[in-house]
């Protein structure tokens, strides 16, 4: 399966993982529908550090220090890539905030 990325103009290809033509056609049709409806997104491989730097530069200017503090706590949970943030990471983050001695501003 392949298509031309409208933003970069590059060819994007992906295997159907199927060995029979009918099954491959069905998988291709599903992917095409996801692309046309805007439901498909590439896996995020951006590093946590790169995401944080960009987020701070673009969004956090002029905001309170709470955001930077939260980013530090998230980083201590062991997040390396933005894609690592899932339900387990959020739960770990919340439990870290509930620890005695953890300062939280309201």
PDB file of N, CA and C in Angstrom:
ATOM      1  N   UNK A   1       0.866  -1.169   0.000  1.00  0.00           N
ATOM      2  CA  UNK A   1       0.000   0.000   0.000  1.00  0.00           C
ATOM      3  C   UNK A   1       0.904   1.220   0.000  1.00  0.00           C
ATOM      4  N   UNK A   2       0.483   2.283  -0.707  1.00  0.00           N
ATOM      5  CA  UNK A   2       1.263   3.519  -0.678  1.00  0.00           C
ATOM      6  C   UNK A   2       0.407   4.699  -1.106  1.00  0.00           C
ATOM      7  N   UNK A   3       0.859   5.867  -0.670  1.00  0.00           N
ATOM      8  CA  UNK A   3       0.216   7.114  -1.069  1.00  0.00           C
ATOM      9  C   UNK A   3       1.248   8.226  -1.002  1.00  0.00           C
ATOM     10  N   UNK A   4       0.951   9.355  -1.621  1.00  0.00           N
ATOM     11  CA  UNK A   4       1.844  10.516  -1.572  1.00  0.00           C
ATOM     12  C   UNK A   4       1.370  11.421  -0.441  1.00  0.00           C
ATOM     13  N   UNK A   5       2.257  11.674   0.519  1.00  0.00           N
ATOM     14  CA  UNK A   5       1.944  12.550   1.644  1.00  0.00           C
ATOM     15  C   UNK A   5       1.698  13.960   1.107  1.00  0.00           C
ATOM     16  N   UNK A   6       0.530  14.548   1.375  1.00  0.00           N
ATOM     17  CA  UNK A   6       0.224  15.861   0.822  1.00  0.00           C
ATOM     18  C   UNK A   6       1.089  16.978   1.411  1.00  0.00           C
ATOM     19  N   UNK A   7       1.644  16.790   2.595  1.00  0.00           N
ATOM     20  CA  UNK A   7       2.470  17.820   3.214  1.00  0.00           C
ATOM     21  C   UNK A   7       3.908  17.793   2.726  1.00  0.00           C
ATOM     22  N   UNK A   8       4.465  16.598   2.577  1.00  0.00           N
ATOM     23  CA  UNK A   8       5.874  16.479   2.197  1.00  0.00           C
ATOM     24  C   UNK A   8       6.066  16.094   0.737  1.00  0.00           C
ATOM     25  N   UNK A   9       5.029  15.529   0.123  1.00  0.00           N
ATOM     26  CA  UNK A   9       5.152  15.050  -1.245  1.00  0.00           C
ATOM     27  C   UNK A   9       5.851  13.705  -1.349  1.00  0.00           C
ATOM     28  N   UNK A  10       6.280  13.150  -0.233  1.00  0.00           N
ATOM     29  CA  UNK A  10       6.988  11.870  -0.239  1.00  0.00           C
ATOM     30  C   UNK A  10       6.017  10.703  -0.320  1.00  0.00           C
ATOM     31  N   UNK A  11       6.501   9.620  -0.915  1.00  0.00           N
ATOM     32  CA  UNK A  11       5.723   8.389  -0.967  1.00  0.00           C
ATOM     33  C   UNK A  11       5.763   7.718   0.404  1.00  0.00           C
ATOM     34  N   UNK A  12       4.611   7.350   0.917  1.00  0.00           N
ATOM     35  CA  UNK A  12       4.511   6.613   2.175  1.00  0.00           C
ATOM     36  C   UNK A  12       4.004   5.232   1.820  1.00  0.00           C
ATOM     37  N   UNK A  13       4.724   4.198   2.262  1.00  0.00           N
ATOM     38  CA  UNK A  13       4.288   2.842   1.942  1.00  0.00           C
ATOM     39  C   UNK A  13       4.238   1.994   3.203  1.00  0.00           C
ATOM     40  N   UNK A  14       3.419   0.983   3.111  1.00  0.00           N
ATOM     41  CA  UNK A  14       3.204   0.102   4.256  1.00  0.00           C
ATOM     42  C   UNK A  14       2.738  -1.243   3.710  1.00  0.00           C
ATOM     43  N   UNK A  15       3.178  -2.311   4.331  1.00  0.00           N
ATOM     44  CA  UNK A  15       2.769  -3.644   3.912  1.00  0.00           C
ATOM     45  C   UNK A  15       1.389  -3.957   4.490  1.00  0.00           C
ATOM     46  N   UNK A  16       0.599  -4.704   3.754  1.00  0.00           N
ATOM     47  CA  UNK A  16      -0.699  -5.132   4.280  1.00  0.00           C
ATOM     48  C   UNK A  16      -0.514  -6.271   5.271  1.00  0.00           C
ATOM     49  N   UNK A  17       0.575  -6.994   5.140  1.00  0.00           N
ATOM     50  CA  UNK A  17       0.811  -8.148   5.997  1.00  0.00           C
ATOM     51  C   UNK A  17      -0.016  -9.358   5.591  1.00  0.00           C
ATOM     52  N   UNK A  18      -0.649  -9.265   4.445  1.00  0.00           N
ATOM     53  CA  UNK A  18      -1.512 -10.350   3.964  1.00  0.00           C
ATOM     54  C   UNK A  18      -0.818 -11.103   2.840  1.00  0.00           C
ATOM     55  N   UNK A  19      -1.186 -12.375   2.685  1.00  0.00           N
ATOM     56  CA  UNK A  19      -0.606 -13.191   1.616  1.00  0.00           C
ATOM     57  C   UNK A  19      -1.605 -13.444   0.494  1.00  0.00           C
ATOM     58  N   UNK A  20      -2.897 -13.232   0.769  1.00  0.00           N
ATOM     59  CA  UNK A  20      -3.924 -13.441  -0.258  1.00  0.00           C
ATOM     60  C   UNK A  20      -4.412 -12.096  -0.778  1.00  0.00           C
ATOM     61  N   UNK A  21      -4.669 -12.034  -2.059  1.00  0.00           N
ATOM     62  CA  UNK A  21      -5.050 -10.788  -2.728  1.00  0.00           C
ATOM     63  C   UNK A  21      -6.329 -10.175  -2.132  1.00  0.00           C
ATOM     64  N   UNK A  22      -7.355 -11.003  -1.887  1.00  0.00           N
ATOM     65  CA  UNK A  22      -8.620 -10.489  -1.345  1.00  0.00           C
ATOM     66  C   UNK A  22      -8.415  -9.839   0.023  1.00  0.00           C
ATOM     67  N   UNK A  23      -7.668 -10.501   0.879  1.00  0.00           N
ATOM     68  CA  UNK A  23      -7.403  -9.979   2.218  1.00  0.00           C
ATOM     69  C   UNK A  23      -6.576  -8.690   2.124  1.00  0.00           C
ATOM     70  N   UNK A  24      -5.607  -8.664   1.211  1.00  0.00           N
ATOM     71  CA  UNK A  24      -4.786  -7.469   1.020  1.00  0.00           C
ATOM     72  C   UNK A  24      -5.646  -6.310   0.522  1.00  0.00           C
ATOM     73  N   UNK A  25      -6.581  -6.590  -0.377  1.00  0.00           N
ATOM     74  CA  UNK A  25      -7.478  -5.543  -0.883  1.00  0.00           C
ATOM     75  C   UNK A  25      -8.360  -4.977   0.238  1.00  0.00           C
ATOM     76  N   UNK A  26      -8.835  -5.860   1.123  1.00  0.00           N
ATOM     77  CA  UNK A  26      -9.664  -5.400   2.252  1.00  0.00           C
ATOM     78  C   UNK A  26      -8.848  -4.497   3.193  1.00  0.00           C
ATOM     79  N   UNK A  27      -7.631  -4.927   3.490  1.00  0.00           N
ATOM     80  CA  UNK A  27      -6.761  -4.136   4.367  1.00  0.00           C
ATOM     81  C   UNK A  27      -6.444  -2.790   3.729  1.00  0.00           C
ATOM     82  N   UNK A  28      -6.179  -2.804   2.436  1.00  0.00           N
ATOM     83  CA  UNK A  28      -5.902  -1.557   1.707  1.00  0.00           C
ATOM     84  C   UNK A  28      -7.103  -0.630   1.756  1.00  0.00           C
ATOM     85  N   UNK A  29      -8.294  -1.175   1.575  1.00  0.00           N
ATOM     86  CA  UNK A  29      -9.515  -0.357   1.600  1.00  0.00           C
ATOM     87  C   UNK A  29      -9.724   0.278   2.975  1.00  0.00           C
ATOM     88  N   UNK A  30      -9.440  -0.482   4.038  1.00  0.00           N
ATOM     89  CA  UNK A  30      -9.571   0.062   5.395  1.00  0.00           C
ATOM     90  C   UNK A  30      -8.603   1.220   5.613  1.00  0.00           C
ATOM     91  N   UNK A  31      -7.355   1.030   5.171  1.00  0.00           N
ATOM     92  CA  UNK A  31      -6.348   2.078   5.346  1.00  0.00           C
ATOM     93  C   UNK A  31      -6.715   3.314   4.539  1.00  0.00           C
ATOM     94  N   UNK A  32      -7.205   3.099   3.323  1.00  0.00           N
ATOM     95  CA  UNK A  32      -7.615   4.225   2.488  1.00  0.00           C
ATOM     96  C   UNK A  32      -8.751   5.011   3.151  1.00  0.00           C
ATOM     97  N   UNK A  33      -9.698   4.299   3.752  1.00  0.00           N
ATOM     98  CA  UNK A  33     -10.802   4.971   4.449  1.00  0.00           C
ATOM     99  C   UNK A  33     -10.280   5.778   5.637  1.00  0.00           C
ATOM    100  N   UNK A  34      -9.336   5.208   6.398  1.00  0.00           N
ATOM    101  CA  UNK A  34      -8.743   5.939   7.520  1.00  0.00           C
ATOM    102  C   UNK A  34      -8.058   7.218   7.044  1.00  0.00           C
ATOM    103  N   UNK A  35      -7.326   7.109   5.933  1.00  0.00           N
ATOM    104  CA  UNK A  35      -6.626   8.277   5.385  1.00  0.00           C
ATOM    105  C   UNK A  35      -7.614   9.345   4.931  1.00  0.00           C
ATOM    106  N   UNK A  36      -8.640   8.938   4.224  1.00  0.00           N
ATOM    107  CA  UNK A  36      -9.606   9.896   3.688  1.00  0.00           C
ATOM    108  C   UNK A  36     -10.433  10.555   4.780  1.00  0.00           C
ATOM    109  N   UNK A  37     -10.697   9.844   5.861  1.00  0.00           N
ATOM    110  CA  UNK A  37     -11.506  10.389   6.946  1.00  0.00           C
ATOM    111  C   UNK A  37     -10.657  11.068   8.016  1.00  0.00           C
ATOM    112  N   UNK A  38      -9.333  11.080   7.828  1.00  0.00           N
ATOM    113  CA  UNK A  38      -8.447  11.735   8.776  1.00  0.00           C
ATOM    114  C   UNK A  38      -8.249  10.981  10.075  1.00  0.00           C
ATOM    115  N   UNK A  39      -8.531   9.679  10.090  1.00  0.00           N
ATOM    116  CA  UNK A  39      -8.383   8.883  11.315  1.00  0.00           C
ATOM    117  C   UNK A  39      -6.999   8.262  11.452  1.00  0.00           C
ATOM    118  N   UNK A  40      -6.236   8.194  10.369  1.00  0.00           N
ATOM    119  CA  UNK A  40      -4.912   7.580  10.439  1.00  0.00           C
ATOM    120  C   UNK A  40      -3.888   8.608  10.899  1.00  0.00           C
ATOM    121  N   UNK A  41      -3.032   8.201  11.816  1.00  0.00           N
ATOM    122  CA  UNK A  41      -1.903   9.055  12.184  1.00  0.00           C
ATOM    123  C   UNK A  41      -0.679   8.178  12.327  1.00  0.00           C
ATOM    124  N   UNK A  42       0.438   8.695  11.884  1.00  0.00           N
ATOM    125  CA  UNK A  42       1.685   7.955  11.975  1.00  0.00           C
ATOM    126  C   UNK A  42       2.061   7.781  13.440  1.00  0.00           C
ATOM    127  N   UNK A  43       2.769   6.711  13.759  1.00  0.00           N
ATOM    128  CA  UNK A  43       3.250   6.545  15.132  1.00  0.00           C
ATOM    129  C   UNK A  43       4.171   7.703  15.508  1.00  0.00           C
ATOM    130  N   UNK A  44       4.016   8.193  16.728  1.00  0.00           N
ATOM    131  CA  UNK A  44       4.824   9.318  17.179  1.00  0.00           C
ATOM    132  C   UNK A  44       6.137   8.820  17.743  1.00  0.00           C
ATOM    133  N   UNK A  45       7.229   9.278  17.161  1.00  0.00           N
ATOM    134  CA  UNK A  45       8.534   8.852  17.640  1.00  0.00           C
ATOM    135  C   UNK A  45       9.329  10.025  18.188  1.00  0.00           C
ATOM    136  N   UNK A  46       8.687  11.178  18.339  1.00  0.00           N
ATOM    137  CA  UNK A  46       9.379  12.350  18.860  1.00  0.00           C
ATOM    138  C   UNK A  46       9.827  12.078  20.298  1.00  0.00           C
ATOM    139  N   UNK A  47      11.029  12.484  20.614  1.00  0.00           N
ATOM    140  CA  UNK A  47      11.538  12.257  21.967  1.00  0.00           C
ATOM    141  C   UNK A  47      10.836  13.205  22.940  1.00  0.00           C
ATOM    142  N   UNK A  48      10.825  12.790  24.209  1.00  0.00           N
ATOM    143  CA  UNK A  48      10.213  13.628  25.237  1.00  0.00           C
ATOM    144  C   UNK A  48      10.938  14.966  25.311  1.00  0.00           C
ATOM    145  N   UNK A  49      12.265  14.953  25.266  1.00  0.00           N
ATOM    146  CA  UNK A  49      13.045  16.194  25.371  1.00  0.00           C
ATOM    147  C   UNK A  49      12.710  17.153  24.226  1.00  0.00           C
ATOM    148  N   UNK A  50      12.616  16.628  23.023  1.00  0.00           N
ATOM    149  CA  UNK A  50      12.307  17.471  21.862  1.00  0.00           C
ATOM    150  C   UNK A  50      10.887  18.035  21.977  1.00  0.00           C
ATOM    151  N   UNK A  51       9.936  17.168  22.368  1.00  0.00           N
ATOM    152  CA  UNK A  51       8.566  17.638  22.567  1.00  0.00           C
ATOM    153  C   UNK A  51       8.517  18.724  23.624  1.00  0.00           C
ATOM    154  N   UNK A  52       9.175  18.487  24.765  1.00  0.00           N
ATOM    155  CA  UNK A  52       9.136  19.442  25.873  1.00  0.00           C
ATOM    156  C   UNK A  52       9.735  20.784  25.463  1.00  0.00           C
ATOM    157  N   UNK A  53      10.889  20.742  24.810  1.00  0.00           N
ATOM    158  CA  UNK A  53      11.534  21.986  24.372  1.00  0.00           C
ATOM    159  C   UNK A  53      10.613  22.774  23.436  1.00  0.00           C
ATOM    160  N   UNK A  54      10.021  22.066  22.476  1.00  0.00           N
ATOM    161  CA  UNK A  54       9.135  22.740  21.532  1.00  0.00           C
ATOM    162  C   UNK A  54       7.878  23.262  22.228  1.00  0.00           C
ATOM    163  N   UNK A  55       7.294  22.465  23.118  1.00  0.00           N
ATOM    164  CA  UNK A  55       6.094  22.862  23.845  1.00  0.00           C
ATOM    165  C   UNK A  55       6.375  24.089  24.703  1.00  0.00           C
ATOM    166  N   UNK A  56       7.502  24.084  25.405  1.00  0.00           N
ATOM    167  CA  UNK A  56       7.846  25.225  26.251  1.00  0.00           C
ATOM    168  C   UNK A  56       8.081  26.477  25.414  1.00  0.00           C
ATOM    169  N   UNK A  57       8.760  26.329  24.292  1.00  0.00           N
ATOM    170  CA  UNK A  57       9.030  27.481  23.428  1.00  0.00           C
ATOM    171  C   UNK A  57       7.765  28.064  22.819  1.00  0.00           C
ATOM    172  N   UNK A  58       6.829  27.187  22.445  1.00  0.00           N
ATOM    173  CA  UNK A  58       5.644  27.643  21.725  1.00  0.00           C
ATOM    174  C   UNK A  58       4.440  27.930  22.613  1.00  0.00           C
ATOM    175  N   UNK A  59       4.304  27.215  23.720  1.00  0.00           N
ATOM    176  CA  UNK A  59       3.065  27.313  24.495  1.00  0.00           C
ATOM    177  C   UNK A  59       3.217  27.880  25.900  1.00  0.00           C
ATOM    178  N   UNK A  60       4.359  27.687  26.529  1.00  0.00           N
ATOM    179  CA  UNK A  60       4.461  28.018  27.947  1.00  0.00           C
ATOM    180  C   UNK A  60       4.949  29.425  28.258  1.00  0.00           C
ATOM    181  N   UNK A  61       5.384  30.151  27.257  1.00  0.00           N
ATOM    182  CA  UNK A  61       5.857  31.498  27.530  1.00  0.00           C
ATOM    183  C   UNK A  61       4.757  32.321  28.182  1.00  0.00           C
ATOM    184  N   UNK A  62       5.075  32.904  29.320  1.00  0.00           N
ATOM    185  CA  UNK A  62       4.112  33.753  30.016  1.00  0.00           C
ATOM    186  C   UNK A  62       3.157  33.008  30.933  1.00  0.00           C
ATOM    187  N   UNK A  63       3.243  31.691  31.001  1.00  0.00           N
ATOM    188  CA  UNK A  63       2.375  30.936  31.899  1.00  0.00           C
ATOM    189  C   UNK A  63       3.096  30.684  33.219  1.00  0.00           C
ATOM    190  N   UNK A  64       2.365  30.202  34.208  1.00  0.00           N
ATOM    191  CA  UNK A  64       2.929  29.990  35.543  1.00  0.00           C
ATOM    192  C   UNK A  64       3.972  28.875  35.544  1.00  0.00           C
ATOM    193  N   UNK A  65       4.700  28.781  36.644  1.00  0.00           N
ATOM    194  CA  UNK A  65       5.736  27.766  36.801  1.00  0.00           C
ATOM    195  C   UNK A  65       5.161  26.372  37.022  1.00  0.00           C
ATOM    196  N   UNK A  66       3.857  26.254  37.284  1.00  0.00           N
ATOM    197  CA  UNK A  66       3.246  24.940  37.513  1.00  0.00           C
ATOM    198  C   UNK A  66       3.464  24.005  36.331  1.00  0.00           C
ATOM    199  N   UNK A  67       3.417  24.550  35.132  1.00  0.00           N
ATOM    200  CA  UNK A  67       3.564  23.710  33.949  1.00  0.00           C
ATOM    201  C   UNK A  67       4.952  23.096  33.881  1.00  0.00           C
ATOM    202  N   UNK A  68       5.980  23.895  34.130  1.00  0.00           N
ATOM    203  CA  UNK A  68       7.344  23.368  34.114  1.00  0.00           C
ATOM    204  C   UNK A  68       7.516  22.328  35.209  1.00  0.00           C
ATOM    205  N   UNK A  69       6.927  22.561  36.375  1.00  0.00           N
ATOM    206  CA  UNK A  69       7.007  21.610  37.475  1.00  0.00           C
ATOM    207  C   UNK A  69       6.346  20.285  37.089  1.00  0.00           C
ATOM    208  N   UNK A  70       5.187  20.352  36.458  1.00  0.00           N
ATOM    209  CA  UNK A  70       4.503  19.137  36.010  1.00  0.00           C
ATOM    210  C   UNK A  70       5.335  18.394  34.966  1.00  0.00           C
ATOM    211  N   UNK A  71       5.964  19.135  34.077  1.00  0.00           N
ATOM    212  CA  UNK A  71       6.818  18.505  33.064  1.00  0.00           C
ATOM    213  C   UNK A  71       7.973  17.771  33.745  1.00  0.00           C
ATOM    214  N   UNK A  72       8.534  18.367  34.792  1.00  0.00           N
ATOM    215  CA  UNK A  72       9.621  17.705  35.525  1.00  0.00           C
ATOM    216  C   UNK A  72       9.142  16.415  36.161  1.00  0.00           C
ATOM    217  N   UNK A  73       7.950  16.445  36.757  1.00  0.00           N
ATOM    218  CA  UNK A  73       7.395  15.235  37.372  1.00  0.00           C
ATOM    219  C   UNK A  73       7.151  14.154  36.324  1.00  0.00           C
ATOM    220  N   UNK A  74       6.620  14.528  35.177  1.00  0.00           N
ATOM    221  CA  UNK A  74       6.361  13.562  34.102  1.00  0.00           C
ATOM    222  C   UNK A  74       7.677  12.927  33.660  1.00  0.00           C
ATOM    223  N   UNK A  75       8.705  13.745  33.536  1.00  0.00           N
ATOM    224  CA  UNK A  75      10.007  13.239  33.105  1.00  0.00           C
ATOM    225  C   UNK A  75      10.563  12.248  34.120  1.00  0.00           C
ATOM    226  N   UNK A  76      10.324  12.470  35.419  1.00  0.00           N
ATOM    227  CA  UNK A  76      10.832  11.578  36.467  1.00  0.00           C
ATOM    228  C   UNK A  76      10.151  10.209  36.432  1.00  0.00           C
ATOM    229  N   UNK A  77       8.982  10.127  35.822  1.00  0.00           N
ATOM    230  CA  UNK A  77       8.267   8.857  35.704  1.00  0.00           C
ATOM    231  C   UNK A  77       8.986   7.946  34.707  1.00  0.00           C
ATOM    232  N   UNK A  78       9.858   8.508  33.882  1.00  0.00           N
ATOM    233  CA  UNK A  78      10.638   7.703  32.944  1.00  0.00           C
ATOM    234  C   UNK A  78      10.189   7.833  31.506  1.00  0.00           C
ATOM    235  N   UNK A  79       9.530   8.920  31.177  1.00  0.00           N
ATOM    236  CA  UNK A  79       9.071   9.140  29.804  1.00  0.00           C
ATOM    237  C   UNK A  79      10.267   9.502  28.927  1.00  0.00           C
ATOM    238  N   UNK A  80      10.446   8.748  27.860  1.00  0.00           N
ATOM    239  CA  UNK A  80      11.536   9.016  26.914  1.00  0.00           C
ATOM    240  C   UNK A  80      11.010   9.572  25.595  1.00  0.00           C
ATOM    241  N   UNK A  81       9.816   9.105  25.186  1.00  0.00           N
ATOM    242  CA  UNK A  81       9.189   9.568  23.948  1.00  0.00           C
ATOM    243  C   UNK A  81       7.766   9.988  24.266  1.00  0.00           C
ATOM    244  N   UNK A  82       7.239  10.893  23.507  1.00  0.00           N
ATOM    245  CA  UNK A  82       5.866  11.348  23.712  1.00  0.00           C
ATOM    246  C   UNK A  82       4.901  10.172  23.637  1.00  0.00           C
ATOM    247  N   UNK A  83       5.189   9.201  22.780  1.00  0.00           N
ATOM    248  CA  UNK A  83       4.322   8.030  22.625  1.00  0.00           C
ATOM    249  C   UNK A  83       4.304   7.154  23.876  1.00  0.00           C
ATOM    250  N   UNK A  84       5.254   7.371  24.799  1.00  0.00           N
ATOM    251  CA  UNK A  84       5.292   6.595  26.038  1.00  0.00           C
ATOM    252  C   UNK A  84       4.210   7.014  27.022  1.00  0.00           C
ATOM    253  N   UNK A  85       3.568   8.138  26.777  1.00  0.00           N
ATOM    254  CA  UNK A  85       2.527   8.601  27.696  1.00  0.00           C
ATOM    255  C   UNK A  85       1.252   7.820  27.396  1.00  0.00           C
ATOM    256  N   UNK A  86       0.931   6.916  28.316  1.00  0.00           N
ATOM    257  CA  UNK A  86      -0.270   6.113  28.204  1.00  0.00           C
ATOM    258  C   UNK A  86      -0.940   6.072  29.573  1.00  0.00           C
ATOM    259  N   UNK A  87      -1.958   5.253  29.740  1.00  0.00           N
ATOM    260  CA  UNK A  87      -2.700   5.205  30.999  1.00  0.00           C
ATOM    261  C   UNK A  87      -1.793   4.828  32.174  1.00  0.00           C
ATOM    262  N   UNK A  88      -0.872   3.906  31.951  1.00  0.00           N
ATOM    263  CA  UNK A  88       0.030   3.486  33.032  1.00  0.00           C
ATOM    264  C   UNK A  88       0.956   4.630  33.443  1.00  0.00           C
ATOM    265  N   UNK A  89       1.463   5.375  32.475  1.00  0.00           N
ATOM    266  CA  UNK A  89       2.349   6.500  32.792  1.00  0.00           C
ATOM    267  C   UNK A  89       1.591   7.596  33.535  1.00  0.00           C
ATOM    268  N   UNK A  90       0.350   7.860  33.137  1.00  0.00           N
ATOM    269  CA  UNK A  90      -0.457   8.871  33.816  1.00  0.00           C
ATOM    270  C   UNK A  90      -0.745   8.436  35.248  1.00  0.00           C
ATOM    271  N   UNK A  91      -1.040   7.168  35.447  1.00  0.00           N
ATOM    272  CA  UNK A  91      -1.289   6.644  36.788  1.00  0.00           C
ATOM    273  C   UNK A  91      -0.049   6.784  37.666  1.00  0.00           C
ATOM    274  N   UNK A  92       1.101   6.445  37.103  1.00  0.00           N
ATOM    275  CA  UNK A  92       2.364   6.580  37.827  1.00  0.00           C
ATOM    276  C   UNK A  92       2.619   8.050  38.189  1.00  0.00           C
ATOM    277  N   UNK A  93       2.330   8.940  37.259  1.00  0.00           N
ATOM    278  CA  UNK A  93       2.484  10.380  37.473  1.00  0.00           C
ATOM    279  C   UNK A  93       1.573  10.848  38.611  1.00  0.00           C
ATOM    280  N   UNK A  94       0.324  10.405  38.599  1.00  0.00           N
ATOM    281  CA  UNK A  94      -0.620  10.795  39.645  1.00  0.00           C
ATOM    282  C   UNK A  94      -0.173  10.286  41.010  1.00  0.00           C
ATOM    283  N   UNK A  95       0.319   9.057  41.068  1.00  0.00           N
ATOM    284  CA  UNK A  95       0.758   8.523  42.363  1.00  0.00           C
ATOM    285  C   UNK A  95       1.982   9.280  42.868  1.00  0.00           C
ATOM    286  N   UNK A  96       2.836   9.718  41.984  1.00  0.00           N
ATOM    287  CA  UNK A  96       3.998  10.524  42.378  1.00  0.00           C
ATOM    288  C   UNK A  96       3.533  11.846  42.997  1.00  0.00           C
ATOM    289  N   UNK A  97       2.503  12.437  42.421  1.00  0.00           N
ATOM    290  CA  UNK A  97       1.993  13.713  42.949  1.00  0.00           C
ATOM    291  C   UNK A  97       1.328  13.548  44.311  1.00  0.00           C
ATOM    292  N   UNK A  98       0.837  12.351  44.601  1.00  0.00           N
ATOM    293  CA  UNK A  98       0.154  12.108  45.875  1.00  0.00           C
ATOM    294  C   UNK A  98       1.118  11.777  47.019  1.00  0.00           C
ATOM    295  N   UNK A  99       2.370  11.597  46.719  1.00  0.00           N
ATOM    296  CA  UNK A  99       3.342  11.251  47.753  1.00  0.00           C
ATOM    297  C   UNK A  99       3.454  12.364  48.790  1.00  0.00           C
ATOM    298  N   UNK A 100       3.682  11.984  50.037  1.00  0.00           N
ATOM    299  CA  UNK A 100       3.898  13.003  51.070  1.00  0.00           C
ATOM    300  C   UNK A 100       5.123  13.855  50.701  1.00  0.00           C
ATOM    301  N   UNK A 101       4.990  15.137  50.916  1.00  0.00           N
ATOM    302  CA  UNK A 101       6.106  16.048  50.642  1.00  0.00           C
ATOM    303  C   UNK A 101       6.137  16.584  49.233  1.00  0.00           C
ATOM    304  N   UNK A 102       5.280  16.081  48.374  1.00  0.00           N
ATOM    305  CA  UNK A 102       5.225  16.592  47.007  1.00  0.00           C
ATOM    306  C   UNK A 102       4.427  17.883  47.032  1.00  0.00           C
ATOM    307  N   UNK A 103       5.077  18.970  46.674  1.00  0.00           N
ATOM    308  CA  UNK A 103       4.398  20.267  46.707  1.00  0.00           C
ATOM    309  C   UNK A 103       3.499  20.429  45.490  1.00  0.00           C
ATOM    310  N   UNK A 104       2.282  20.748  45.749  1.00  0.00           N
ATOM    311  CA  UNK A 104       1.329  21.027  44.671  1.00  0.00           C
ATOM    312  C   UNK A 104       0.708  22.376  44.932  1.00  0.00           C
ATOM    313  N   UNK A 105       0.654  23.164  43.922  1.00  0.00           N
ATOM    314  CA  UNK A 105      -0.002  24.475  44.049  1.00  0.00           C
ATOM    315  C   UNK A 105      -1.427  24.340  43.562  1.00  0.00           C
ATOM    316  N   UNK A 106      -2.311  25.067  44.197  1.00  0.00           N
ATOM    317  CA  UNK A 106      -3.708  25.040  43.764  1.00  0.00           C
ATOM    318  C   UNK A 106      -4.124  26.395  43.286  1.00  0.00           C
TER     319      UNK A 106
END
